[in-house]
PDB file of N, CA and C in Angstrom:
ATOM      1  N   LYS A   1       0.828  -1.190   0.000  1.00  0.00           N
ATOM      2  CA  LYS A   1       0.000   0.000   0.000  1.00  0.00           C
ATOM      3  C   LYS A   1       0.873   1.254   0.000  1.00  0.00           C
ATOM      4  N   VAL A   2       0.330   2.324  -0.562  1.00  0.00           N
ATOM      5  CA  VAL A   2       1.017   3.608  -0.518  1.00  0.00           C
ATOM      6  C   VAL A   2       1.280   3.968   0.941  1.00  0.00           C
ATOM      7  N   GLY A   3       2.477   4.456   1.216  1.00  0.00           N
ATOM      8  CA  GLY A   3       2.857   4.839   2.573  1.00  0.00           C
ATOM      9  C   GLY A   3       3.582   3.758   3.342  1.00  0.00           C
ATOM     10  N   GLU A   4       3.553   2.525   2.849  1.00  0.00           N
ATOM     11  CA  GLU A   4       4.266   1.442   3.529  1.00  0.00           C
ATOM     12  C   GLU A   4       5.747   1.469   3.166  1.00  0.00           C
ATOM     13  N   THR A   5       6.569   1.139   4.142  1.00  0.00           N
ATOM     14  CA  THR A   5       8.008   1.050   3.937  1.00  0.00           C
ATOM     15  C   THR A   5       8.395  -0.415   3.803  1.00  0.00           C
ATOM     16  N   VAL A   6       9.169  -0.715   2.768  1.00  0.00           N
ATOM     17  CA  VAL A   6       9.573  -2.088   2.470  1.00  0.00           C
ATOM     18  C   VAL A   6      11.095  -2.188   2.559  1.00  0.00           C
ATOM     19  N   LEU A   7      11.567  -3.281   3.125  1.00  0.00           N
ATOM     20  CA  LEU A   7      12.997  -3.575   3.181  1.00  0.00           C
ATOM     21  C   LEU A   7      13.314  -4.583   2.085  1.00  0.00           C
ATOM     22  N   PHE A   8      14.165  -4.194   1.152  1.00  0.00           N
ATOM     23  CA  PHE A   8      14.634  -5.085   0.096  1.00  0.00           C
ATOM     24  C   PHE A   8      15.991  -5.634   0.521  1.00  0.00           C
ATOM     25  N   LEU A   9      16.137  -6.952   0.498  1.00  0.00           N
ATOM     26  CA  LEU A   9      17.418  -7.604   0.784  1.00  0.00           C
ATOM     27  C   LEU A   9      17.916  -8.245  -0.498  1.00  0.00           C
ATOM     28  N   HIS A  10      19.183  -8.040  -0.805  1.00  0.00           N
ATOM     29  CA  HIS A  10      19.738  -8.576  -2.045  1.00  0.00           C
ATOM     30  C   HIS A  10      21.049  -9.279  -1.736  1.00  0.00           C
ATOM     31  N   SER A  11      21.131 -10.542  -2.098  1.00  0.00           N
ATOM     32  CA  SER A  11      22.348 -11.328  -1.913  1.00  0.00           C
ATOM     33  C   SER A  11      22.771 -11.842  -3.277  1.00  0.00           C
ATOM     34  N   GLN A  12      24.023 -11.648  -3.604  1.00  0.00           N
ATOM     35  CA  GLN A  12      24.510 -12.012  -4.925  1.00  0.00           C
ATOM     36  C   GLN A  12      25.671 -12.981  -4.771  1.00  0.00           C
ATOM     37  N   ALA A  13      25.533 -14.176  -5.318  1.00  0.00           N
ATOM     38  CA  ALA A  13      26.550 -15.214  -5.118  1.00  0.00           C
ATOM     39  C   ALA A  13      27.866 -14.917  -5.830  1.00  0.00           C
ATOM     40  N   ASN A  14      27.816 -14.629  -7.138  1.00  0.00           N
ATOM     41  CA  ASN A  14      29.084 -14.549  -7.855  1.00  0.00           C
ATOM     42  C   ASN A  14      29.144 -13.503  -8.959  1.00  0.00           C
ATOM     43  N   ARG A  15      28.116 -12.681  -9.117  1.00  0.00           N
ATOM     44  CA  ARG A  15      28.140 -11.652 -10.168  1.00  0.00           C
ATOM     45  C   ARG A  15      27.835 -10.293  -9.550  1.00  0.00           C
ATOM     46  N   ASP A  16      28.547  -9.273 -10.001  1.00  0.00           N
ATOM     47  CA  ASP A  16      28.231  -7.916  -9.574  1.00  0.00           C
ATOM     48  C   ASP A  16      26.869  -7.519 -10.137  1.00  0.00           C
ATOM     49  N   THR A  17      26.103  -6.787  -9.347  1.00  0.00           N
ATOM     50  CA  THR A  17      24.759  -6.380  -9.740  1.00  0.00           C
ATOM     51  C   THR A  17      24.577  -4.899  -9.448  1.00  0.00           C
ATOM     52  N   ARG A  18      23.867  -4.217 -10.327  1.00  0.00           N
ATOM     53  CA  ARG A  18      23.510  -2.820 -10.119  1.00  0.00           C
ATOM     54  C   ARG A  18      21.999  -2.753  -9.971  1.00  0.00           C
ATOM     55  N   ILE A  19      21.548  -2.566  -8.741  1.00  0.00           N
ATOM     56  CA  ILE A  19      20.119  -2.625  -8.431  1.00  0.00           C
ATOM     57  C   ILE A  19      19.450  -1.297  -8.763  1.00  0.00           C
ATOM     58  N   HIS A  20      18.260  -1.385  -9.333  1.00  0.00           N
ATOM     59  CA  HIS A  20      17.460  -0.193  -9.638  1.00  0.00           C
ATOM     60  C   HIS A  20      15.994  -0.531  -9.394  1.00  0.00           C
ATOM     61  N   LEU A  21      15.297   0.344  -8.706  1.00  0.00           N
ATOM     62  CA  LEU A  21      13.858   0.195  -8.474  1.00  0.00           C
ATOM     63  C   LEU A  21      13.148   1.156  -9.417  1.00  0.00           C
ATOM     64  N   ILE A  22      12.621   0.630 -10.519  1.00  0.00           N
ATOM     65  CA  ILE A  22      11.959   1.477 -11.511  1.00  0.00           C
ATOM     66  C   ILE A  22      10.670   2.014 -10.905  1.00  0.00           C
ATOM     67  N   GLY A  23      10.577   3.333 -10.850  1.00  0.00           N
ATOM     68  CA  GLY A  23       9.439   4.005 -10.240  1.00  0.00           C
ATOM     69  C   GLY A  23       9.733   4.476  -8.831  1.00  0.00           C
ATOM     70  N   GLY A  24      10.859   4.071  -8.282  1.00  0.00           N
ATOM     71  CA  GLY A  24      11.214   4.466  -6.918  1.00  0.00           C
ATOM     72  C   GLY A  24      12.710   4.628  -6.791  1.00  0.00           C
ATOM     73  N   HIS A  25      13.196   4.543  -5.580  1.00  0.00           N
ATOM     74  CA  HIS A  25      14.628   4.632  -5.314  1.00  0.00           C
ATOM     75  C   HIS A  25      14.895   4.040  -3.936  1.00  0.00           C
ATOM     76  N   GLY A  26      16.142   4.010  -3.547  1.00  0.00           N
ATOM     77  CA  GLY A  26      16.480   3.550  -2.204  1.00  0.00           C
ATOM     78  C   GLY A  26      16.514   4.738  -1.258  1.00  0.00           C
ATOM     79  N   ASP A  27      15.551   4.834  -0.342  1.00  0.00           N
ATOM     80  CA  ASP A  27      15.584   5.922   0.646  1.00  0.00           C
ATOM     81  C   ASP A  27      16.840   5.796   1.502  1.00  0.00           C
ATOM     82  N   LEU A  28      17.079   4.598   2.006  1.00  0.00           N
ATOM     83  CA  LEU A  28      18.284   4.262   2.767  1.00  0.00           C
ATOM     84  C   LEU A  28      18.862   2.997   2.161  1.00  0.00           C
ATOM     85  N   VAL A  29      20.172   2.997   1.890  1.00  0.00           N
ATOM     86  CA  VAL A  29      20.802   1.851   1.228  1.00  0.00           C
ATOM     87  C   VAL A  29      22.074   1.458   1.973  1.00  0.00           C
ATOM     88  N   TRP A  30      22.167   0.173   2.292  1.00  0.00           N
ATOM     89  CA  TRP A  30      23.362  -0.418   2.897  1.00  0.00           C
ATOM     90  C   TRP A  30      23.955  -1.376   1.868  1.00  0.00           C
ATOM     91  N   THR A  31      25.043  -0.994   1.220  1.00  0.00           N
ATOM     92  CA  THR A  31      25.609  -1.848   0.169  1.00  0.00           C
ATOM     93  C   THR A  31      26.610  -2.854   0.703  1.00  0.00           C
ATOM     94  N   GLY A  32      27.092  -2.688   1.919  1.00  0.00           N
ATOM     95  CA  GLY A  32      28.120  -3.572   2.445  1.00  0.00           C
ATOM     96  C   GLY A  32      27.611  -4.738   3.250  1.00  0.00           C
ATOM     97  N   GLY A  33      26.300  -4.855   3.410  1.00  0.00           N
ATOM     98  CA  GLY A  33      25.743  -6.011   4.099  1.00  0.00           C
ATOM     99  C   GLY A  33      25.629  -5.879   5.603  1.00  0.00           C
ATOM    100  N   SER A  34      25.936  -4.703   6.170  1.00  0.00           N
ATOM    101  CA  SER A  34      25.845  -4.540   7.620  1.00  0.00           C
ATOM    102  C   SER A  34      24.981  -3.335   7.975  1.00  0.00           C
ATOM    103  N   PHE A  35      23.982  -3.567   8.825  1.00  0.00           N
ATOM    104  CA  PHE A  35      23.146  -2.463   9.280  1.00  0.00           C
ATOM    105  C   PHE A  35      23.888  -1.573  10.276  1.00  0.00           C
ATOM    106  N   ASP A  36      25.083  -1.990  10.716  1.00  0.00           N
ATOM    107  CA  ASP A  36      25.915  -1.137  11.570  1.00  0.00           C
ATOM    108  C   ASP A  36      26.568  -0.013  10.766  1.00  0.00           C
ATOM    109  N   ASP A  37      26.664  -0.176   9.446  1.00  0.00           N
ATOM    110  CA  ASP A  37      27.236   0.863   8.588  1.00  0.00           C
ATOM    111  C   ASP A  37      26.244   2.014   8.422  1.00  0.00           C
ATOM    112  N   VAL A  38      26.753   3.206   8.179  1.00  0.00           N
ATOM    113  CA  VAL A  38      25.895   4.357   7.890  1.00  0.00           C
ATOM    114  C   VAL A  38      25.339   4.177   6.478  1.00  0.00           C
ATOM    115  N   PRO A  39      24.009   4.232   6.304  1.00  0.00           N
ATOM    116  CA  PRO A  39      23.451   4.038   4.964  1.00  0.00           C
ATOM    117  C   PRO A  39      23.639   5.278   4.091  1.00  0.00           C
ATOM    118  N   THR A  40      23.702   5.058   2.784  1.00  0.00           N
ATOM    119  CA  THR A  40      23.615   6.175   1.851  1.00  0.00           C
ATOM    120  C   THR A  40      22.136   6.457   1.636  1.00  0.00           C
ATOM    121  N   THR A  41      21.815   7.627   1.105  1.00  0.00           N
ATOM    122  CA  THR A  41      20.412   8.022   0.989  1.00  0.00           C
ATOM    123  C   THR A  41      20.043   8.379  -0.448  1.00  0.00           C
ATOM    124  N   ASN A  42      18.755   8.166  -0.748  1.00  0.00           N
ATOM    125  CA  ASN A  42      18.148   8.598  -2.009  1.00  0.00           C
ATOM    126  C   ASN A  42      18.918   8.121  -3.234  1.00  0.00           C
ATOM    127  N   ARG A  43      19.177   6.827  -3.291  1.00  0.00           N
ATOM    128  CA  ARG A  43      19.953   6.236  -4.385  1.00  0.00           C
ATOM    129  C   ARG A  43      19.030   5.788  -5.515  1.00  0.00           C
ATOM    130  N   GLU A  44      19.376   6.154  -6.734  1.00  0.00           N
ATOM    131  CA  GLU A  44      18.655   5.686  -7.914  1.00  0.00           C
ATOM    132  C   GLU A  44      19.080   4.259  -8.264  1.00  0.00           C
ATOM    133  N   THR A  45      20.382   4.008  -8.188  1.00  0.00           N
ATOM    134  CA  THR A  45      20.967   2.700  -8.488  1.00  0.00           C
ATOM    135  C   THR A  45      22.086   2.459  -7.490  1.00  0.00           C
ATOM    136  N   TRP A  46      22.230   1.208  -7.049  1.00  0.00           N
ATOM    137  CA  TRP A  46      23.316   0.893  -6.123  1.00  0.00           C
ATOM    138  C   TRP A  46      23.907  -0.458  -6.487  1.00  0.00           C
ATOM    139  N   ALA A  47      25.214  -0.592  -6.215  1.00  0.00           N
ATOM    140  CA  ALA A  47      25.945  -1.795  -6.623  1.00  0.00           C
ATOM    141  C   ALA A  47      26.073  -2.773  -5.462  1.00  0.00           C
ATOM    142  N   ILE A  48      25.890  -4.053  -5.780  1.00  0.00           N
ATOM    143  CA  ILE A  48      26.152  -5.147  -4.848  1.00  0.00           C
ATOM    144  C   ILE A  48      27.201  -6.029  -5.525  1.00  0.00           C
ATOM    145  N   ALA A  49      28.352  -6.139  -4.894  1.00  0.00           N
ATOM    146  CA  ALA A  49      29.439  -6.938  -5.472  1.00  0.00           C
ATOM    147  C   ALA A  49      29.132  -8.425  -5.348  1.00  0.00           C
ATOM    148  N   GLY A  50      29.676  -9.211  -6.270  1.00  0.00           N
ATOM    149  CA  GLY A  50      29.534 -10.658  -6.184  1.00  0.00           C
ATOM    150  C   GLY A  50      30.042 -11.161  -4.842  1.00  0.00           C
ATOM    151  N   GLY A  51      29.293 -12.035  -4.202  1.00  0.00           N
ATOM    152  CA  GLY A  51      29.669 -12.581  -2.908  1.00  0.00           C
ATOM    153  C   GLY A  51      29.247 -11.730  -1.726  1.00  0.00           C
ATOM    154  N   GLU A  52      28.548 -10.616  -1.986  1.00  0.00           N
ATOM    155  CA  GLU A  52      28.105  -9.735  -0.908  1.00  0.00           C
ATOM    156  C   GLU A  52      26.584  -9.674  -0.854  1.00  0.00           C
ATOM    157  N   ALA A  53      26.109  -8.968   0.149  1.00  0.00           N
ATOM    158  CA  ALA A  53      24.679  -8.726   0.308  1.00  0.00           C
ATOM    159  C   ALA A  53      24.482  -7.252   0.622  1.00  0.00           C
ATOM    160  N   GLY A  54      23.288  -6.767   0.371  1.00  0.00           N
ATOM    161  CA  GLY A  54      22.956  -5.383   0.672  1.00  0.00           C
ATOM    162  C   GLY A  54      21.481  -5.270   0.985  1.00  0.00           C
ATOM    163  N   ALA A  55      21.086  -4.083   1.420  1.00  0.00           N
ATOM    164  CA  ALA A  55      19.692  -3.851   1.785  1.00  0.00           C
ATOM    165  C   ALA A  55      19.307  -2.423   1.429  1.00  0.00           C
ATOM    166  N   ALA A  56      18.023  -2.220   1.189  1.00  0.00           N
ATOM    167  CA  ALA A  56      17.504  -0.883   0.912  1.00  0.00           C
ATOM    168  C   ALA A  56      16.104  -0.762   1.491  1.00  0.00           C
ATOM    169  N   LEU A  57      15.806   0.420   2.025  1.00  0.00           N
ATOM    170  CA  LEU A  57      14.463   0.750   2.499  1.00  0.00           C
ATOM    171  C   LEU A  57      13.843   1.738   1.531  1.00  0.00           C
ATOM    172  N   TYR A  58      12.571   1.526   1.208  1.00  0.00           N
ATOM    173  CA  TYR A  58      11.847   2.478   0.368  1.00  0.00           C
ATOM    174  C   TYR A  58      10.414   2.577   0.858  1.00  0.00           C
ATOM    175  N   THR A  59       9.922   3.812   0.974  1.00  0.00           N
ATOM    176  CA  THR A  59       8.521   4.061   1.306  1.00  0.00           C
ATOM    177  C   THR A  59       7.802   4.408   0.011  1.00  0.00           C
ATOM    178  N   PHE A  60       6.820   3.597  -0.360  1.00  0.00           N
ATOM    179  CA  PHE A  60       6.105   3.798  -1.616  1.00  0.00           C
ATOM    180  C   PHE A  60       5.225   5.040  -1.537  1.00  0.00           C
ATOM    181  N   GLN A  61       5.389   5.926  -2.533  1.00  0.00           N
ATOM    182  CA  GLN A  61       4.690   7.205  -2.563  1.00  0.00           C
ATOM    183  C   GLN A  61       3.452   7.198  -3.465  1.00  0.00           C
ATOM    184  N   GLN A  62       3.442   6.331  -4.466  1.00  0.00           N
ATOM    185  CA  GLN A  62       2.351   6.284  -5.435  1.00  0.00           C
ATOM    186  C   GLN A  62       1.960   4.825  -5.683  1.00  0.00           C
ATOM    187  N   PRO A  63       0.693   4.596  -6.061  1.00  0.00           N
ATOM    188  CA  PRO A  63       0.302   3.238  -6.435  1.00  0.00           C
ATOM    189  C   PRO A  63       0.889   2.879  -7.799  1.00  0.00           C
ATOM    190  N   GLY A  64       0.955   1.597  -8.079  1.00  0.00           N
ATOM    191  CA  GLY A  64       1.423   1.155  -9.385  1.00  0.00           C
ATOM    192  C   GLY A  64       2.252  -0.104  -9.286  1.00  0.00           C
ATOM    193  N   LEU A  65       2.813  -0.496 -10.406  1.00  0.00           N
ATOM    194  CA  LEU A  65       3.666  -1.674 -10.491  1.00  0.00           C
ATOM    195  C   LEU A  65       5.116  -1.207 -10.583  1.00  0.00           C
ATOM    196  N   TYR A  66       5.906  -1.544  -9.578  1.00  0.00           N
ATOM    197  CA  TYR A  66       7.318  -1.173  -9.511  1.00  0.00           C
ATOM    198  C   TYR A  66       8.151  -2.385  -9.916  1.00  0.00           C
ATOM    199  N   ALA A  67       9.224  -2.141 -10.653  1.00  0.00           N
ATOM    200  CA  ALA A  67      10.121  -3.225 -11.064  1.00  0.00           C
ATOM    201  C   ALA A  67      11.454  -3.074 -10.337  1.00  0.00           C
ATOM    202  N   TYR A  68      11.874  -4.140  -9.657  1.00  0.00           N
ATOM    203  CA  TYR A  68      13.157  -4.221  -8.969  1.00  0.00           C
ATOM    204  C   TYR A  68      14.066  -5.021  -9.884  1.00  0.00           C
ATOM    205  N   VAL A  69      15.045  -4.347 -10.507  1.00  0.00           N
ATOM    206  CA  VAL A  69      15.817  -5.000 -11.564  1.00  0.00           C
ATOM    207  C   VAL A  69      17.321  -4.837 -11.366  1.00  0.00           C
ATOM    208  N   ASN A  70      18.072  -5.736 -12.015  1.00  0.00           N
ATOM    209  CA  ASN A  70      19.491  -5.532 -12.240  1.00  0.00           C
ATOM    210  C   ASN A  70      19.572  -4.509 -13.366  1.00  0.00           C
ATOM    211  N   HIS A  71      20.302  -3.415 -13.162  1.00  0.00           N
ATOM    212  CA  HIS A  71      20.346  -2.365 -14.182  1.00  0.00           C
ATOM    213  C   HIS A  71      21.096  -2.803 -15.434  1.00  0.00           C
ATOM    214  N   ASN A  72      21.721  -3.975 -15.405  1.00  0.00           N
ATOM    215  CA  ASN A  72      22.165  -4.614 -16.638  1.00  0.00           C
ATOM    216  C   ASN A  72      20.879  -5.223 -17.198  1.00  0.00           C
ATOM    217  N   LEU A  73      20.173  -4.458 -18.014  1.00  0.00           N
ATOM    218  CA  LEU A  73      18.812  -4.830 -18.415  1.00  0.00           C
ATOM    219  C   LEU A  73      18.758  -6.112 -19.235  1.00  0.00           C
ATOM    220  N   ILE A  74      19.851  -6.492 -19.873  1.00  0.00           N
ATOM    221  CA  ILE A  74      19.876  -7.780 -20.572  1.00  0.00           C
ATOM    222  C   ILE A  74      19.676  -8.900 -19.554  1.00  0.00           C
ATOM    223  N   GLU A  75      20.391  -8.832 -18.423  1.00  0.00           N
ATOM    224  CA  GLU A  75      20.205  -9.840 -17.378  1.00  0.00           C
ATOM    225  C   GLU A  75      18.817  -9.729 -16.762  1.00  0.00           C
ATOM    226  N   ALA A  76      18.328  -8.515 -16.591  1.00  0.00           N
ATOM    227  CA  ALA A  76      17.012  -8.329 -15.981  1.00  0.00           C
ATOM    228  C   ALA A  76      15.912  -8.962 -16.826  1.00  0.00           C
ATOM    229  N   ILE A  77      15.955  -8.729 -18.127  1.00  0.00           N
ATOM    230  CA  ILE A  77      14.881  -9.200 -19.006  1.00  0.00           C
ATOM    231  C   ILE A  77      15.123 -10.634 -19.482  1.00  0.00           C
ATOM    232  N   MET A  78      16.300 -10.906 -20.027  1.00  0.00           N
ATOM    233  CA  MET A  78      16.556 -12.206 -20.641  1.00  0.00           C
ATOM    234  C   MET A  78      16.812 -13.318 -19.626  1.00  0.00           C
ATOM    235  N   LEU A  79      17.395 -12.967 -18.469  1.00  0.00           N
ATOM    236  CA  LEU A  79      17.755 -13.996 -17.491  1.00  0.00           C
ATOM    237  C   LEU A  79      16.888 -13.956 -16.240  1.00  0.00           C
ATOM    238  N   GLY A  80      15.882 -13.088 -16.222  1.00  0.00           N
ATOM    239  CA  GLY A  80      14.946 -13.068 -15.099  1.00  0.00           C
ATOM    240  C   GLY A  80      15.451 -12.385 -13.847  1.00  0.00           C
ATOM    241  N   ALA A  81      16.411 -11.472 -13.978  1.00  0.00           N
ATOM    242  CA  ALA A  81      16.932 -10.762 -12.806  1.00  0.00           C
ATOM    243  C   ALA A  81      16.045  -9.563 -12.498  1.00  0.00           C
ATOM    244  N   ALA A  82      14.756  -9.847 -12.250  1.00  0.00           N
ATOM    245  CA  ALA A  82      13.782  -8.791 -11.978  1.00  0.00           C
ATOM    246  C   ALA A  82      12.693  -9.327 -11.055  1.00  0.00           C
ATOM    247  N   ALA A  83      12.134  -8.426 -10.282  1.00  0.00           N
ATOM    248  CA  ALA A  83      10.979  -8.737  -9.433  1.00  0.00           C
ATOM    249  C   ALA A  83      10.004  -7.572  -9.563  1.00  0.00           C
ATOM    250  N   HIS A  84       8.750  -7.812  -9.235  1.00  0.00           N
ATOM    251  CA  HIS A  84       7.741  -6.759  -9.335  1.00  0.00           C
ATOM    252  C   HIS A  84       7.005  -6.610  -8.012  1.00  0.00           C
ATOM    253  N   VAL A  85       6.695  -5.355  -7.678  1.00  0.00           N
ATOM    254  CA  VAL A  85       5.951  -5.039  -6.463  1.00  0.00           C
ATOM    255  C   VAL A  85       4.717  -4.253  -6.884  1.00  0.00           C
ATOM    256  N   SER A  86       3.537  -4.771  -6.550  1.00  0.00           N
ATOM    257  CA  SER A  86       2.284  -4.094  -6.859  1.00  0.00           C
ATOM    258  C   SER A  86       1.838  -3.306  -5.634  1.00  0.00           C
ATOM    259  N   VAL A  87       1.666  -1.997  -5.815  1.00  0.00           N
ATOM    260  CA  VAL A  87       1.329  -1.102  -4.708  1.00  0.00           C
ATOM    261  C   VAL A  87      -0.065  -0.532  -4.939  1.00  0.00           C
ATOM    262  N   GLU A  88      -0.931  -0.698  -3.949  1.00  0.00           N
ATOM    263  CA  GLU A  88      -2.295  -0.184  -4.018  1.00  0.00           C
ATOM    264  C   GLU A  88      -2.383   1.143  -3.283  1.00  0.00           C
ATOM    265  N   GLY A  89      -3.397   1.922  -3.626  1.00  0.00           N
ATOM    266  CA  GLY A  89      -3.630   3.175  -2.916  1.00  0.00           C
ATOM    267  C   GLY A  89      -4.115   4.260  -3.853  1.00  0.00           C
ATOM    268  N   GLU A  90      -4.268   5.448  -3.302  1.00  0.00           N
ATOM    269  CA  GLU A  90      -4.757   6.594  -4.060  1.00  0.00           C
ATOM    270  C   GLU A  90      -3.587   7.347  -4.692  1.00  0.00           C
ATOM    271  N   TRP A  91      -3.789   7.794  -5.935  1.00  0.00           N
ATOM    272  CA  TRP A  91      -2.789   8.585  -6.637  1.00  0.00           C
ATOM    273  C   TRP A  91      -2.701   9.964  -5.994  1.00  0.00           C
ATOM    274  N   ASN A  92      -1.483  10.483  -5.816  1.00  0.00           N
ATOM    275  CA  ASN A  92      -1.263  11.791  -5.211  1.00  0.00           C
ATOM    276  C   ASN A  92      -0.759  12.752  -6.280  1.00  0.00           C
ATOM    277  N   ASN A  93      -1.662  13.607  -6.801  1.00  0.00           N
ATOM    278  CA  ASN A  93      -1.278  14.561  -7.838  1.00  0.00           C
ATOM    279  C   ASN A  93      -0.304  15.618  -7.333  1.00  0.00           C
ATOM    280  N   ASP A  94      -0.198  15.808  -6.006  1.00  0.00           N
ATOM    281  CA  ASP A  94       0.778  16.764  -5.479  1.00  0.00           C
ATOM    282  C   ASP A  94       2.208  16.291  -5.742  1.00  0.00           C
ATOM    283  N   LEU A  95       2.416  14.982  -5.860  1.00  0.00           N
ATOM    284  CA  LEU A  95       3.743  14.439  -6.159  1.00  0.00           C
ATOM    285  C   LEU A  95       4.013  14.377  -7.652  1.00  0.00           C
ATOM    286  N   MET A  96       3.008  13.964  -8.408  1.00  0.00           N
ATOM    287  CA  MET A  96       3.139  13.819  -9.856  1.00  0.00           C
ATOM    288  C   MET A  96       1.735  13.851 -10.437  1.00  0.00           C
ATOM    289  N   GLU A  97       1.477  14.823 -11.299  1.00  0.00           N
ATOM    290  CA  GLU A  97       0.131  14.927 -11.847  1.00  0.00           C
ATOM    291  C   GLU A  97      -0.080  13.911 -12.953  1.00  0.00           C
ATOM    292  N   GLN A  98      -1.155  13.161 -12.800  1.00  0.00           N
ATOM    293  CA  GLN A  98      -1.523  12.156 -13.793  1.00  0.00           C
ATOM    294  C   GLN A  98      -2.499  12.824 -14.755  1.00  0.00           C
ATOM    295  N   VAL A  99      -2.075  13.067 -15.987  1.00  0.00           N
ATOM    296  CA  VAL A  99      -2.909  13.790 -16.937  1.00  0.00           C
ATOM    297  C   VAL A  99      -3.877  12.881 -17.681  1.00  0.00           C
ATOM    298  N   GLU A 100      -3.620  11.581 -17.639  1.00  0.00           N
ATOM    299  CA  GLU A 100      -4.489  10.626 -18.321  1.00  0.00           C
ATOM    300  C   GLU A 100      -4.421   9.296 -17.588  1.00  0.00           C
ATOM    301  N   GLU A 101      -5.550   8.626 -17.459  1.00  0.00           N
ATOM    302  CA  GLU A 101      -5.589   7.309 -16.824  1.00  0.00           C
ATOM    303  C   GLU A 101      -4.715   6.330 -17.605  1.00  0.00           C
ATOM    304  N   PRO A 102      -4.003   5.440 -16.910  1.00  0.00           N
ATOM    305  CA  PRO A 102      -3.219   4.428 -17.628  1.00  0.00           C
ATOM    306  C   PRO A 102      -4.128   3.538 -18.467  1.00  0.00           C
ATOM    307  N   GLY A 103      -3.634   3.108 -19.589  1.00  0.00           N
ATOM    308  CA  GLY A 103      -4.407   2.229 -20.457  1.00  0.00           C
ATOM    309  C   GLY A 103      -3.508   1.559 -21.475  1.00  0.00           C
ATOM    310  N   PRO A 104      -4.104   0.792 -22.362  1.00  0.00           N
ATOM    311  CA  PRO A 104      -3.313   0.093 -23.379  1.00  0.00           C
ATOM    312  C   PRO A 104      -2.586   1.079 -24.294  1.00  0.00           C
ATOM    313  N   ILE A 105      -1.428   0.683 -24.775  1.00  0.00           N
ATOM    314  CA  ILE A 105      -0.683   1.498 -25.735  1.00  0.00           C
ATOM    315  C   ILE A 105      -1.358   1.353 -27.084  1.00  0.00           C
ATOM    316  N   LYS A 106      -1.625   2.475 -27.713  1.00  0.00           N
ATOM    317  CA  LYS A 106      -2.334   2.464 -29.006  1.00  0.00           C
ATOM    318  C   LYS A 106      -1.374   2.489 -30.160  1.00  0.00           C
TER     319      LYS A 106
END
């Protein structure tokens, strides 16, 4: 739901990954795998090295379908390095004005 904060955990066995949340960002991001570290803030994309883990917090501001992807989009699309989060709630025009209802591409 809009307004909920979600913790994303990412563990990568052997390949470097560049995480991107399409439609959102990382409010707080820990790339080194320890919550004892000071997080970076407001990240569009963040790197997780092979053999490491990281975490990110994001509070959803708008409803919609968000894609959590490896920013190497070939891996995201062709190899399935993507996840989707469906967020329900009311659209907030104060954040972004929606000029037309979403619909099929013509």
